[in-house]
Amino acid sequence: MNAKTIIKTLGSDEILAIGIDVSKARLTIGVINPRREQVFSLSNEHASVTALAQALCAGDYGGKLVLESTGYYHWCAAVGLSQAGLDVRLVNPLMASISTNGRNPARRSTYHLLL
């Protein structure tokens, strides 16, 4: 699925949050709307990131994009989306993991502040 198809699929619903799980080959994009949650996948390459950034900017998305920092694989998406003027937040996967199982309340609070 390409970025423009994703935005068309979402329609005119207000997007509340977007999270991106990064791997070597794919970007798995989770989108939360008031009525539903959707998951999409794009290739982790410059052309896909550029198309996603253009589609989000055209749709006037002004929220945060939370990306999991995975080695250097997140670099293309983080830079491309930031250069488009989108608010990109990088989250350490370990920090996110700790926040979800409740071992460290201070880190959990810090993680939620990023969101």
PDB file of N, CA and C in Angstrom:
ATOM      1  N   MET A   1       0.849  -1.173   0.000  1.00  0.00           N
ATOM      2  CA  MET A   1       0.000   0.000   0.000  1.00  0.00           C
ATOM      3  C   MET A   1       0.895   1.237   0.000  1.00  0.00           C
ATOM      4  N   ASN A   2       0.559   2.228  -0.824  1.00  0.00           N
ATOM      5  CA  ASN A   2       1.385   3.430  -0.834  1.00  0.00           C
ATOM      6  C   ASN A   2       0.796   4.497   0.088  1.00  0.00           C
ATOM      7  N   ALA A   3       1.551   5.565   0.317  1.00  0.00           N
ATOM      8  CA  ALA A   3       1.176   6.584   1.297  1.00  0.00           C
ATOM      9  C   ALA A   3      -0.117   7.296   0.913  1.00  0.00           C
ATOM     10  N   LYS A   4      -0.310   7.589  -0.350  1.00  0.00           N
ATOM     11  CA  LYS A   4      -1.523   8.295  -0.768  1.00  0.00           C
ATOM     12  C   LYS A   4      -2.758   7.422  -0.555  1.00  0.00           C
ATOM     13  N   THR A   5      -2.630   6.130  -0.779  1.00  0.00           N
ATOM     14  CA  THR A   5      -3.735   5.209  -0.531  1.00  0.00           C
ATOM     15  C   THR A   5      -4.073   5.177   0.953  1.00  0.00           C
ATOM     16  N   ILE A   6      -3.054   5.241   1.802  1.00  0.00           N
ATOM     17  CA  ILE A   6      -3.282   5.255   3.246  1.00  0.00           C
ATOM     18  C   ILE A   6      -4.122   6.460   3.641  1.00  0.00           C
ATOM     19  N   ILE A   7      -3.741   7.632   3.177  1.00  0.00           N
ATOM     20  CA  ILE A   7      -4.465   8.850   3.541  1.00  0.00           C
ATOM     21  C   ILE A   7      -5.884   8.819   2.993  1.00  0.00           C
ATOM     22  N   LYS A   8      -6.075   8.318   1.762  1.00  0.00           N
ATOM     23  CA  LYS A   8      -7.423   8.201   1.206  1.00  0.00           C
ATOM     24  C   LYS A   8      -8.258   7.228   2.027  1.00  0.00           C
ATOM     25  N   THR A   9      -7.654   6.146   2.475  1.00  0.00           N
ATOM     26  CA  THR A   9      -8.354   5.152   3.281  1.00  0.00           C
ATOM     27  C   THR A   9      -8.802   5.756   4.606  1.00  0.00           C
ATOM     28  N   LEU A  10      -7.966   6.599   5.182  1.00  0.00           N
ATOM     29  CA  LEU A  10      -8.312   7.224   6.453  1.00  0.00           C
ATOM     30  C   LEU A  10      -9.444   8.231   6.283  1.00  0.00           C
ATOM     31  N   GLY A  11      -9.569   8.782   5.094  1.00  0.00           N
ATOM     32  CA  GLY A  11     -10.642   9.730   4.823  1.00  0.00           C
ATOM     33  C   GLY A  11     -10.454  11.021   5.580  1.00  0.00           C
ATOM     34  N   SER A  12     -11.559  11.631   5.929  1.00  0.00           N
ATOM     35  CA  SER A  12     -11.511  12.933   6.584  1.00  0.00           C
ATOM     36  C   SER A  12     -11.534  12.823   8.103  1.00  0.00           C
ATOM     37  N   ASP A  13     -11.436  11.600   8.626  1.00  0.00           N
ATOM     38  CA  ASP A  13     -11.398  11.431  10.086  1.00  0.00           C
ATOM     39  C   ASP A  13     -10.207  12.165  10.670  1.00  0.00           C
ATOM     40  N   GLU A  14     -10.400  12.733  11.833  1.00  0.00           N
ATOM     41  CA  GLU A  14      -9.301  13.386  12.520  1.00  0.00           C
ATOM     42  C   GLU A  14      -8.331  12.325  13.027  1.00  0.00           C
ATOM     43  N   ILE A  15      -7.076  12.478  12.696  1.00  0.00           N
ATOM     44  CA  ILE A  15      -6.059  11.533  13.154  1.00  0.00           C
ATOM     45  C   ILE A  15      -5.590  11.996  14.533  1.00  0.00           C
ATOM     46  N   LEU A  16      -5.722  11.131  15.516  1.00  0.00           N
ATOM     47  CA  LEU A  16      -5.312  11.475  16.873  1.00  0.00           C
ATOM     48  C   LEU A  16      -3.839  11.202  17.124  1.00  0.00           C
ATOM     49  N   ALA A  17      -3.331  10.106  16.581  1.00  0.00           N
ATOM     50  CA  ALA A  17      -1.944   9.741  16.824  1.00  0.00           C
ATOM     51  C   ALA A  17      -1.441   8.815  15.725  1.00  0.00           C
ATOM     52  N   ILE A  18      -0.131   8.914  15.470  1.00  0.00           N
ATOM     53  CA  ILE A  18       0.513   8.024  14.508  1.00  0.00           C
ATOM     54  C   ILE A  18       1.794   7.495  15.147  1.00  0.00           C
ATOM     55  N   GLY A  19       1.941   6.179  15.145  1.00  0.00           N
ATOM     56  CA  GLY A  19       3.152   5.536  15.627  1.00  0.00           C
ATOM     57  C   GLY A  19       3.743   4.696  14.515  1.00  0.00           C
ATOM     58  N   ILE A  20       5.060   4.696  14.403  1.00  0.00           N
ATOM     59  CA  ILE A  20       5.725   3.966  13.332  1.00  0.00           C
ATOM     60  C   ILE A  20       6.746   3.009  13.926  1.00  0.00           C
ATOM     61  N   ASP A  21       6.553   1.723  13.646  1.00  0.00           N
ATOM     62  CA  ASP A  21       7.502   0.694  14.042  1.00  0.00           C
ATOM     63  C   ASP A  21       8.447   0.494  12.867  1.00  0.00           C
ATOM     64  N   VAL A  22       9.730   0.598  13.109  1.00  0.00           N
ATOM     65  CA  VAL A  22      10.724   0.591  12.038  1.00  0.00           C
ATOM     66  C   VAL A  22      11.473  -0.727  11.995  1.00  0.00           C
ATOM     67  N   SER A  23      11.614  -1.275  10.804  1.00  0.00           N
ATOM     68  CA  SER A  23      12.484  -2.433  10.596  1.00  0.00           C
ATOM     69  C   SER A  23      13.341  -2.139   9.366  1.00  0.00           C
ATOM     70  N   LYS A  24      14.215  -3.052   9.050  1.00  0.00           N
ATOM     71  CA  LYS A  24      15.128  -2.844   7.926  1.00  0.00           C
ATOM     72  C   LYS A  24      14.369  -2.598   6.618  1.00  0.00           C
ATOM     73  N   ALA A  25      13.341  -3.372   6.359  1.00  0.00           N
ATOM     74  CA  ALA A  25      12.642  -3.289   5.077  1.00  0.00           C
ATOM     75  C   ALA A  25      11.307  -2.558   5.133  1.00  0.00           C
ATOM     76  N   ARG A  26      10.654  -2.505   6.304  1.00  0.00           N
ATOM     77  CA  ARG A  26       9.277  -1.999   6.375  1.00  0.00           C
ATOM     78  C   ARG A  26       9.102  -0.945   7.462  1.00  0.00           C
ATOM     79  N   LEU A  27       8.138  -0.073   7.223  1.00  0.00           N
ATOM     80  CA  LEU A  27       7.624   0.839   8.238  1.00  0.00           C
ATOM     81  C   LEU A  27       6.192   0.387   8.514  1.00  0.00           C
ATOM     82  N   THR A  28       5.912  -0.018   9.723  1.00  0.00           N
ATOM     83  CA  THR A  28       4.553  -0.399  10.089  1.00  0.00           C
ATOM     84  C   THR A  28       3.945   0.794  10.805  1.00  0.00           C
ATOM     85  N   ILE A  29       2.894   1.332  10.218  1.00  0.00           N
ATOM     86  CA  ILE A  29       2.326   2.593  10.669  1.00  0.00           C
ATOM     87  C   ILE A  29       0.985   2.332  11.346  1.00  0.00           C
ATOM     88  N   GLY A  30       0.895   2.690  12.613  1.00  0.00           N
ATOM     89  CA  GLY A  30      -0.351   2.574  13.355  1.00  0.00           C
ATOM     90  C   GLY A  30      -0.993   3.944  13.465  1.00  0.00           C
ATOM     91  N   VAL A  31      -2.259   4.037  13.083  1.00  0.00           N
ATOM     92  CA  VAL A  31      -2.986   5.304  13.092  1.00  0.00           C
ATOM     93  C   VAL A  31      -4.214   5.157  13.977  1.00  0.00           C
ATOM     94  N   ILE A  32      -4.392   6.114  14.893  1.00  0.00           N
ATOM     95  CA  ILE A  32      -5.555   6.099  15.772  1.00  0.00           C
ATOM     96  C   ILE A  32      -6.447   7.283  15.408  1.00  0.00           C
ATOM     97  N   ASN A  33      -7.695   6.969  15.077  1.00  0.00           N
ATOM     98  CA  ASN A  33      -8.739   7.951  14.797  1.00  0.00           C
ATOM     99  C   ASN A  33      -9.763   7.884  15.919  1.00  0.00           C
ATOM    100  N   PRO A  34     -10.689   8.844  15.987  1.00  0.00           N
ATOM    101  CA  PRO A  34     -11.720   8.765  17.030  1.00  0.00           C
ATOM    102  C   PRO A  34     -12.560   7.485  16.939  1.00  0.00           C
ATOM    103  N   ARG A  35     -12.744   6.944  15.732  1.00  0.00           N
ATOM    104  CA  ARG A  35     -13.630   5.796  15.559  1.00  0.00           C
ATOM    105  C   ARG A  35     -12.921   4.462  15.379  1.00  0.00           C
ATOM    106  N   ARG A  36     -11.624   4.488  15.064  1.00  0.00           N
ATOM    107  CA  ARG A  36     -10.966   3.217  14.758  1.00  0.00           C
ATOM    108  C   ARG A  36      -9.450   3.334  14.859  1.00  0.00           C
ATOM    109  N   GLU A  37      -8.831   2.171  14.860  1.00  0.00           N
ATOM    110  CA  GLU A  37      -7.375   2.074  14.780  1.00  0.00           C
ATOM    111  C   GLU A  37      -7.049   1.296  13.521  1.00  0.00           C
ATOM    112  N   GLN A  38      -6.025   1.745  12.800  1.00  0.00           N
ATOM    113  CA  GLN A  38      -5.634   1.068  11.571  1.00  0.00           C
ATOM    114  C   GLN A  38      -4.124   0.876  11.556  1.00  0.00           C
ATOM    115  N   VAL A  39      -3.705  -0.181  10.872  1.00  0.00           N
ATOM    116  CA  VAL A  39      -2.287  -0.463  10.717  1.00  0.00           C
ATOM    117  C   VAL A  39      -1.996  -0.632   9.235  1.00  0.00           C
ATOM    118  N   PHE A  40      -0.950   0.045   8.778  1.00  0.00           N
ATOM    119  CA  PHE A  40      -0.521  -0.012   7.389  1.00  0.00           C
ATOM    120  C   PHE A  40       0.963  -0.326   7.338  1.00  0.00           C
ATOM    121  N   SER A  41       1.427  -0.696   6.176  1.00  0.00           N
ATOM    122  CA  SER A  41       2.838  -1.000   6.005  1.00  0.00           C
ATOM    123  C   SER A  41       3.355  -0.349   4.728  1.00  0.00           C
ATOM    124  N   LEU A  42       4.522   0.262   4.828  1.00  0.00           N
ATOM    125  CA  LEU A  42       5.206   0.852   3.674  1.00  0.00           C
ATOM    126  C   LEU A  42       6.639   0.340   3.656  1.00  0.00           C
ATOM    127  N   SER A  43       7.258   0.408   2.502  1.00  0.00           N
ATOM    128  CA  SER A  43       8.674   0.039   2.447  1.00  0.00           C
ATOM    129  C   SER A  43       9.502   1.132   3.115  1.00  0.00           C
ATOM    130  N   ASN A  44      10.584   0.742   3.724  1.00  0.00           N
ATOM    131  CA  ASN A  44      11.459   1.683   4.418  1.00  0.00           C
ATOM    132  C   ASN A  44      12.478   2.227   3.426  1.00  0.00           C
ATOM    133  N   GLU A  45      12.009   3.103   2.560  1.00  0.00           N
ATOM    134  CA  GLU A  45      12.878   3.734   1.566  1.00  0.00           C
ATOM    135  C   GLU A  45      12.452   5.179   1.362  1.00  0.00           C
ATOM    136  N   HIS A  46      13.344   5.955   0.776  1.00  0.00           N
ATOM    137  CA  HIS A  46      13.147   7.398   0.640  1.00  0.00           C
ATOM    138  C   HIS A  46      11.846   7.757  -0.077  1.00  0.00           C
ATOM    139  N   ALA A  47      11.531   7.087  -1.162  1.00  0.00           N
ATOM    140  CA  ALA A  47      10.336   7.418  -1.943  1.00  0.00           C
ATOM    141  C   ALA A  47       9.058   7.238  -1.125  1.00  0.00           C
ATOM    142  N   SER A  48       8.971   6.171  -0.349  1.00  0.00           N
ATOM    143  CA  SER A  48       7.790   5.926   0.489  1.00  0.00           C
ATOM    144  C   SER A  48       7.665   6.958   1.603  1.00  0.00           C
ATOM    145  N   VAL A  49       8.794   7.297   2.217  1.00  0.00           N
ATOM    146  CA  VAL A  49       8.783   8.293   3.297  1.00  0.00           C
ATOM    147  C   VAL A  49       8.371   9.654   2.753  1.00  0.00           C
ATOM    148  N   THR A  50       8.891  10.014   1.586  1.00  0.00           N
ATOM    149  CA  THR A  50       8.534  11.290   0.964  1.00  0.00           C
ATOM    150  C   THR A  50       7.045  11.344   0.644  1.00  0.00           C
ATOM    151  N   ALA A  51       6.514  10.264   0.090  1.00  0.00           N
ATOM    152  CA  ALA A  51       5.085  10.214  -0.234  1.00  0.00           C
ATOM    153  C   ALA A  51       4.235  10.303   1.030  1.00  0.00           C
ATOM    154  N   LEU A  52       4.651   9.625   2.097  1.00  0.00           N
ATOM    155  CA  LEU A  52       3.922   9.685   3.363  1.00  0.00           C
ATOM    156  C   LEU A  52       3.939  11.111   3.915  1.00  0.00           C
ATOM    157  N   ALA A  53       5.100  11.736   3.906  1.00  0.00           N
ATOM    158  CA  ALA A  53       5.225  13.110   4.409  1.00  0.00           C
ATOM    159  C   ALA A  53       4.339  14.059   3.603  1.00  0.00           C
ATOM    160  N   GLN A  54       4.349  13.939   2.293  1.00  0.00           N
ATOM    161  CA  GLN A  54       3.516  14.804   1.454  1.00  0.00           C
ATOM    162  C   GLN A  54       2.036  14.576   1.733  1.00  0.00           C
ATOM    163  N   ALA A  55       1.646  13.324   1.896  1.00  0.00           N
ATOM    164  CA  ALA A  55       0.242  13.006   2.160  1.00  0.00           C
ATOM    165  C   ALA A  55      -0.199  13.554   3.517  1.00  0.00           C
ATOM    166  N   LEU A  56       0.657  13.424   4.537  1.00  0.00           N
ATOM    167  CA  LEU A  56       0.302  13.938   5.861  1.00  0.00           C
ATOM    168  C   LEU A  56       0.235  15.463   5.860  1.00  0.00           C
ATOM    169  N   CYS A  57       1.164  16.103   5.168  1.00  0.00           N
ATOM    170  CA  CYS A  57       1.144  17.565   5.083  1.00  0.00           C
ATOM    171  C   CYS A  57      -0.081  18.050   4.303  1.00  0.00           C
ATOM    172  N   ALA A  58      -0.432  17.352   3.237  1.00  0.00           N
ATOM    173  CA  ALA A  58      -1.608  17.719   2.451  1.00  0.00           C
ATOM    174  C   ALA A  58      -2.889  17.536   3.258  1.00  0.00           C
ATOM    175  N   GLY A  59      -2.888  16.567   4.174  1.00  0.00           N
ATOM    176  CA  GLY A  59      -4.042  16.324   5.040  1.00  0.00           C
ATOM    177  C   GLY A  59      -4.033  17.171   6.296  1.00  0.00           C
ATOM    178  N   ASP A  60      -3.083  18.113   6.400  1.00  0.00           N
ATOM    179  CA  ASP A  60      -2.960  19.022   7.546  1.00  0.00           C
ATOM    180  C   ASP A  60      -2.779  18.303   8.879  1.00  0.00           C
ATOM    181  N   TYR A  61      -2.039  17.206   8.877  1.00  0.00           N
ATOM    182  CA  TYR A  61      -1.762  16.513  10.140  1.00  0.00           C
ATOM    183  C   TYR A  61      -0.769  17.343  10.945  1.00  0.00           C
ATOM    184  N   GLY A  62      -1.153  17.725  12.149  1.00  0.00           N
ATOM    185  CA  GLY A  62      -0.291  18.551  12.984  1.00  0.00           C
ATOM    186  C   GLY A  62       0.146  17.872  14.264  1.00  0.00           C
ATOM    187  N   GLY A  63      -0.158  16.596  14.405  1.00  0.00           N
ATOM    188  CA  GLY A  63       0.198  15.867  15.617  1.00  0.00           C
ATOM    189  C   GLY A  63       1.614  15.331  15.580  1.00  0.00           C
ATOM    190  N   LYS A  64       1.921  14.534  16.571  1.00  0.00           N
ATOM    191  CA  LYS A  64       3.251  13.937  16.685  1.00  0.00           C
ATOM    192  C   LYS A  64       3.310  12.614  15.940  1.00  0.00           C
ATOM    193  N   LEU A  65       4.486  12.328  15.427  1.00  0.00           N
ATOM    194  CA  LEU A  65       4.785  11.028  14.832  1.00  0.00           C
ATOM    195  C   LEU A  65       5.820  10.377  15.740  1.00  0.00           C
ATOM    196  N   VAL A  66       5.473   9.272  16.340  1.00  0.00           N
ATOM    197  CA  VAL A  66       6.385   8.595  17.262  1.00  0.00           C
ATOM    198  C   VAL A  66       7.023   7.425  16.531  1.00  0.00           C
ATOM    199  N   LEU A  67       8.351   7.447  16.435  1.00  0.00           N
ATOM    200  CA  LEU A  67       9.100   6.392  15.751  1.00  0.00           C
ATOM    201  C   LEU A  67       9.945   5.633  16.755  1.00  0.00           C
ATOM    202  N   GLU A  68       9.988   4.337  16.572  1.00  0.00           N
ATOM    203  CA  GLU A  68      10.886   3.504  17.354  1.00  0.00           C
ATOM    204  C   GLU A  68      12.277   3.611  16.734  1.00  0.00           C
ATOM    205  N   SER A  69      13.270   3.979  17.540  1.00  0.00           N
ATOM    206  CA  SER A  69      14.632   4.063  17.009  1.00  0.00           C
ATOM    207  C   SER A  69      15.240   2.666  16.985  1.00  0.00           C
ATOM    208  N   THR A  70      15.523   2.176  15.793  1.00  0.00           N
ATOM    209  CA  THR A  70      16.008   0.814  15.618  1.00  0.00           C
ATOM    210  C   THR A  70      17.337   0.869  14.869  1.00  0.00           C
ATOM    211  N   GLY A  71      18.432   0.791  15.610  1.00  0.00           N
ATOM    212  CA  GLY A  71      19.738   0.880  14.966  1.00  0.00           C
ATOM    213  C   GLY A  71      19.811   2.151  14.141  1.00  0.00           C
ATOM    214  N   TYR A  72      20.107   2.016  12.882  1.00  0.00           N
ATOM    215  CA  TYR A  72      20.092   3.177  11.989  1.00  0.00           C
ATOM    216  C   TYR A  72      18.945   3.093  10.987  1.00  0.00           C
ATOM    217  N   TYR A  73      18.101   2.093  11.095  1.00  0.00           N
ATOM    218  CA  TYR A  73      17.019   1.897  10.134  1.00  0.00           C
ATOM    219  C   TYR A  73      15.952   2.984  10.214  1.00  0.00           C
ATOM    220  N   HIS A  74      15.844   3.671  11.340  1.00  0.00           N
ATOM    221  CA  HIS A  74      14.851   4.727  11.481  1.00  0.00           C
ATOM    222  C   HIS A  74      15.301   6.041  10.848  1.00  0.00           C
ATOM    223  N   TRP A  75      16.565   6.130  10.471  1.00  0.00           N
ATOM    224  CA  TRP A  75      17.158   7.393  10.046  1.00  0.00           C
ATOM    225  C   TRP A  75      16.435   8.009   8.845  1.00  0.00           C
ATOM    226  N   CYS A  76      16.169   7.243   7.817  1.00  0.00           N
ATOM    227  CA  CYS A  76      15.513   7.754   6.605  1.00  0.00           C
ATOM    228  C   CYS A  76      14.141   8.341   6.941  1.00  0.00           C
ATOM    229  N   ALA A  77      13.350   7.623   7.713  1.00  0.00           N
ATOM    230  CA  ALA A  77      12.009   8.092   8.066  1.00  0.00           C
ATOM    231  C   ALA A  77      12.078   9.323   8.970  1.00  0.00           C
ATOM    232  N   ALA A  78      12.938   9.298   9.966  1.00  0.00           N
ATOM    233  CA  ALA A  78      13.035  10.415  10.906  1.00  0.00           C
ATOM    234  C   ALA A  78      13.449  11.701  10.202  1.00  0.00           C
ATOM    235  N   VAL A  79      14.465  11.616   9.370  1.00  0.00           N
ATOM    236  CA  VAL A  79      14.953  12.805   8.671  1.00  0.00           C
ATOM    237  C   VAL A  79      13.938  13.275   7.630  1.00  0.00           C
ATOM    238  N   GLY A  80      13.404  12.354   6.841  1.00  0.00           N
ATOM    239  CA  GLY A  80      12.454  12.734   5.795  1.00  0.00           C
ATOM    240  C   GLY A  80      11.193  13.379   6.337  1.00  0.00           C
ATOM    241  N   LEU A  81      10.650  12.810   7.409  1.00  0.00           N
ATOM    242  CA  LEU A  81       9.429  13.370   7.993  1.00  0.00           C
ATOM    243  C   LEU A  81       9.706  14.692   8.708  1.00  0.00           C
ATOM    244  N   SER A  82      10.862  14.800   9.349  1.00  0.00           N
ATOM    245  CA  SER A  82      11.238  16.054  10.014  1.00  0.00           C
ATOM    246  C   SER A  82      11.446  17.175   9.000  1.00  0.00           C
ATOM    247  N   GLN A  83      12.122  16.868   7.909  1.00  0.00           N
ATOM    248  CA  GLN A  83      12.361  17.883   6.891  1.00  0.00           C
ATOM    249  C   GLN A  83      11.074  18.381   6.249  1.00  0.00           C
ATOM    250  N   ALA A  84      10.037  17.574   6.304  1.00  0.00           N
ATOM    251  CA  ALA A  84       8.736  17.987   5.772  1.00  0.00           C
ATOM    252  C   ALA A  84       7.990  18.885   6.765  1.00  0.00           C
ATOM    253  N   GLY A  85       8.574  19.097   7.938  1.00  0.00           N
ATOM    254  CA  GLY A  85       7.962  19.963   8.934  1.00  0.00           C
ATOM    255  C   GLY A  85       7.061  19.246   9.917  1.00  0.00           C
ATOM    256  N   LEU A  86       7.111  17.921   9.931  1.00  0.00           N
ATOM    257  CA  LEU A  86       6.286  17.142  10.856  1.00  0.00           C
ATOM    258  C   LEU A  86       7.013  16.973  12.189  1.00  0.00           C
ATOM    259  N   ASP A  87       6.253  16.841  13.262  1.00  0.00           N
ATOM    260  CA  ASP A  87       6.791  16.717  14.614  1.00  0.00           C
ATOM    261  C   ASP A  87       7.131  15.252  14.885  1.00  0.00           C
ATOM    262  N   VAL A  88       8.404  14.904  14.729  1.00  0.00           N
ATOM    263  CA  VAL A  88       8.862  13.522  14.869  1.00  0.00           C
ATOM    264  C   VAL A  88       9.494  13.330  16.235  1.00  0.00           C
ATOM    265  N   ARG A  89       9.084  12.267  16.937  1.00  0.00           N
ATOM    266  CA  ARG A  89       9.655  11.914  18.234  1.00  0.00           C
ATOM    267  C   ARG A  89      10.235  10.516  18.137  1.00  0.00           C
ATOM    268  N   LEU A  90      11.493  10.372  18.526  1.00  0.00           N
ATOM    269  CA  LEU A  90      12.131   9.054  18.546  1.00  0.00           C
ATOM    270  C   LEU A  90      12.025   8.463  19.948  1.00  0.00           C
ATOM    271  N   VAL A  91      11.664   7.204  20.004  1.00  0.00           N
ATOM    272  CA  VAL A  91      11.529   6.515  21.281  1.00  0.00           C
ATOM    273  C   VAL A  91      12.441   5.296  21.263  1.00  0.00           C
ATOM    274  N   ASN A  92      13.220   5.161  22.312  1.00  0.00           N
ATOM    275  CA  ASN A  92      14.071   3.993  22.472  1.00  0.00           C
ATOM    276  C   ASN A  92      13.173   2.778  22.744  1.00  0.00           C
ATOM    277  N   PRO A  93      13.308   1.689  21.983  1.00  0.00           N
ATOM    278  CA  PRO A  93      12.450   0.523  22.195  1.00  0.00           C
ATOM    279  C   PRO A  93      12.536  -0.039  23.615  1.00  0.00           C
ATOM    280  N   LEU A  94      13.705   0.023  24.221  1.00  0.00           N
ATOM    281  CA  LEU A  94      13.849  -0.454  25.597  1.00  0.00           C
ATOM    282  C   LEU A  94      13.038   0.413  26.549  1.00  0.00           C
ATOM    283  N   MET A  95      13.069   1.715  26.333  1.00  0.00           N
ATOM    284  CA  MET A  95      12.310   2.631  27.171  1.00  0.00           C
ATOM    285  C   MET A  95      10.810   2.364  27.038  1.00  0.00           C
ATOM    286  N   ALA A  96      10.371   2.121  25.830  1.00  0.00           N
ATOM    287  CA  ALA A  96       8.956   1.812  25.598  1.00  0.00           C
ATOM    288  C   ALA A  96       8.584   0.500  26.274  1.00  0.00           C
ATOM    289  N   SER A  97       9.474  -0.467  26.211  1.00  0.00           N
ATOM    290  CA  SER A  97       9.228  -1.761  26.836  1.00  0.00           C
ATOM    291  C   SER A  97       9.110  -1.623  28.350  1.00  0.00           C
ATOM    292  N   ILE A  98      10.007  -0.869  28.928  1.00  0.00           N
ATOM    293  CA  ILE A  98       9.985  -0.657  30.377  1.00  0.00           C
ATOM    294  C   ILE A  98       8.696   0.058  30.775  1.00  0.00           C
ATOM    295  N   SER A  99       8.267   1.009  29.943  1.00  0.00           N
ATOM    296  CA  SER A  99       7.071   1.775  30.296  1.00  0.00           C
ATOM    297  C   SER A  99       5.826   0.901  30.295  1.00  0.00           C
ATOM    298  N   THR A 100       5.810  -0.119  29.456  1.00  0.00           N
ATOM    299  CA  THR A 100       4.599  -0.931  29.365  1.00  0.00           C
ATOM    300  C   THR A 100       4.502  -1.998  30.446  1.00  0.00           C
ATOM    301  N   ASN A 101       5.632  -2.422  31.000  1.00  0.00           N
ATOM    302  CA  ASN A 101       5.512  -3.448  32.038  1.00  0.00           C
ATOM    303  C   ASN A 101       5.627  -2.865  33.444  1.00  0.00           C
ATOM    304  N   GLY A 102       5.798  -1.554  33.543  1.00  0.00           N
ATOM    305  CA  GLY A 102       5.708  -0.886  34.835  1.00  0.00           C
ATOM    306  C   GLY A 102       6.872  -1.050  35.782  1.00  0.00           C
ATOM    307  N   ARG A 103       8.021  -1.491  35.304  1.00  0.00           N
ATOM    308  CA  ARG A 103       9.158  -1.697  36.204  1.00  0.00           C
ATOM    309  C   ARG A 103       9.732  -0.382  36.733  1.00  0.00           C
ATOM    310  N   ASN A 104       9.670   0.678  35.931  1.00  0.00           N
ATOM    311  CA  ASN A 104      10.303   1.932  36.318  1.00  0.00           C
ATOM    312  C   ASN A 104       9.330   3.088  36.083  1.00  0.00           C
ATOM    313  N   PRO A 105       8.629   3.554  37.126  1.00  0.00           N
ATOM    314  CA  PRO A 105       7.619   4.598  36.956  1.00  0.00           C
ATOM    315  C   PRO A 105       8.183   5.900  36.402  1.00  0.00           C
ATOM    316  N   ALA A 106       9.435   6.249  36.735  1.00  0.00           N
ATOM    317  CA  ALA A 106      10.020   7.494  36.226  1.00  0.00           C
ATOM    318  C   ALA A 106      10.174   7.437  34.708  1.00  0.00           C
ATOM    319  N   ARG A 107      10.681   6.332  34.209  1.00  0.00           N
ATOM    320  CA  ARG A 107      10.820   6.184  32.764  1.00  0.00           C
ATOM    321  C   ARG A 107       9.464   6.104  32.082  1.00  0.00           C
ATOM    322  N   ARG A 108       8.514   5.445  32.739  1.00  0.00           N
ATOM    323  CA  ARG A 108       7.174   5.340  32.166  1.00  0.00           C
ATOM    324  C   ARG A 108       6.585   6.742  32.007  1.00  0.00           C
ATOM    325  N   SER A 109       6.753   7.605  33.009  1.00  0.00           N
ATOM    326  CA  SER A 109       6.233   8.974  32.947  1.00  0.00           C
ATOM    327  C   SER A 109       6.928   9.753  31.845  1.00  0.00           C
ATOM    328  N   THR A 110       8.242   9.608  31.736  1.00  0.00           N
ATOM    329  CA  THR A 110       8.991  10.295  30.686  1.00  0.00           C
ATOM    330  C   THR A 110       8.528   9.844  29.313  1.00  0.00           C
ATOM    331  N   TYR A 111       8.326   8.561  29.147  1.00  0.00           N
ATOM    332  CA  TYR A 111       7.861   8.019  27.870  1.00  0.00           C
ATOM    333  C   TYR A 111       6.510   8.610  27.502  1.00  0.00           C
ATOM    334  N   HIS A 112       5.588   8.673  28.455  1.00  0.00           N
ATOM    335  CA  HIS A 112       4.257   9.196  28.157  1.00  0.00           C
ATOM    336  C   HIS A 112       4.280  10.686  27.877  1.00  0.00           C
ATOM    337  N   LEU A 113       5.244  11.420  28.437  1.00  0.00           N
ATOM    338  CA  LEU A 113       5.380  12.841  28.119  1.00  0.00           C
ATOM    339  C   LEU A 113       5.770  13.041  26.661  1.00  0.00           C
ATOM    340  N   LEU A 114       6.561  12.122  26.119  1.00  0.00           N
ATOM    341  CA  LEU A 114       6.936  12.217  24.707  1.00  0.00           C
ATOM    342  C   LEU A 114       5.726  12.058  23.808  1.00  0.00           C
ATOM    343  N   LEU A 115       4.773  11.262  24.215  1.00  0.00           N
ATOM    344  CA  LEU A 115       3.590  11.021  23.410  1.00  0.00           C
ATOM    345  C   LEU A 115       2.660  12.185  23.539  1.00  0.00           C
TER     346      LEU A 115
END
